Amino acid sequence: METKITEMLGIRYPIIQGGLQGLGTSSLVSAVSNAGGLGLITAGS
């Protein structure tokens, strides 16, 4: 799927996982990123 967001961010799907303080662990972020989305991690995680 190609949209302006996917082209700009270099991701496959327009899915952006927010920081999720306490829940946004490295395993969640890597799973989202490996699936083609944009995984974000917070400074407190």
Protein backbone atom coordinates (compact mmCIF):
# COMPACT_ATOMS: atom_id res chain seq x y z
CA MET A 1 0.00 0.00 0.00
CA GLU A 2 1.48 3.34 -1.01
CA THR A 3 0.44 6.63 0.53
CA LYS A 4 2.31 9.87 1.11
CA ILE A 5 3.00 8.75 4.70
CA THR A 6 4.43 5.35 3.69
CA GLU A 7 6.64 6.98 1.08
CA MET A 8 7.83 9.71 3.46
CA LEU A 9 8.62 7.30 6.33
CA GLY A 10 9.83 4.39 4.21
CA ILE A 11 7.37 1.89 5.69
CA ARG A 12 5.16 -0.71 4.02
CA TYR A 13 1.83 0.02 5.77
CA PRO A 14 0.44 3.27 7.20
CA ILE A 15 0.48 1.89 10.76
CA ILE A 16 2.19 3.96 13.44
CA GLN A 17 2.47 2.45 16.92
CA GLY A 18 2.63 5.17 19.58
CA GLY A 19 5.09 5.27 22.47
CA LEU A 20 2.76 3.59 25.04
CA GLN A 21 4.63 4.43 28.25
CA GLY A 22 5.37 1.14 30.01
CA LEU A 23 3.80 -1.02 27.27
CA GLY A 24 5.96 0.02 24.32
CA THR A 25 8.75 -2.45 24.98
CA SER A 26 11.49 -3.24 22.53
CA SER A 27 9.80 -6.53 21.57
CA LEU A 28 6.55 -4.73 20.65
CA VAL A 29 8.40 -2.04 18.72
CA SER A 30 10.45 -4.60 16.80
CA ALA A 31 7.33 -6.66 16.02
CA VAL A 32 5.53 -3.63 14.58
CA SER A 33 8.61 -2.58 12.63
CA ASN A 34 9.20 -6.09 11.27
CA ALA A 35 5.56 -6.23 10.15
CA GLY A 36 6.08 -3.12 8.01
CA GLY A 37 4.77 -0.39 10.33
CA LEU A 38 6.52 2.33 12.29
CA GLY A 39 7.23 1.27 15.87
CA LEU A 40 8.11 3.97 18.41
CA ILE A 41 9.62 3.56 21.86
CA THR A 42 9.47 6.13 24.67
CA ALA A 43 12.42 7.38 26.64
CA GLY A 44 11.03 5.84 29.84
CA SER A 45 10.72 2.29 28.53
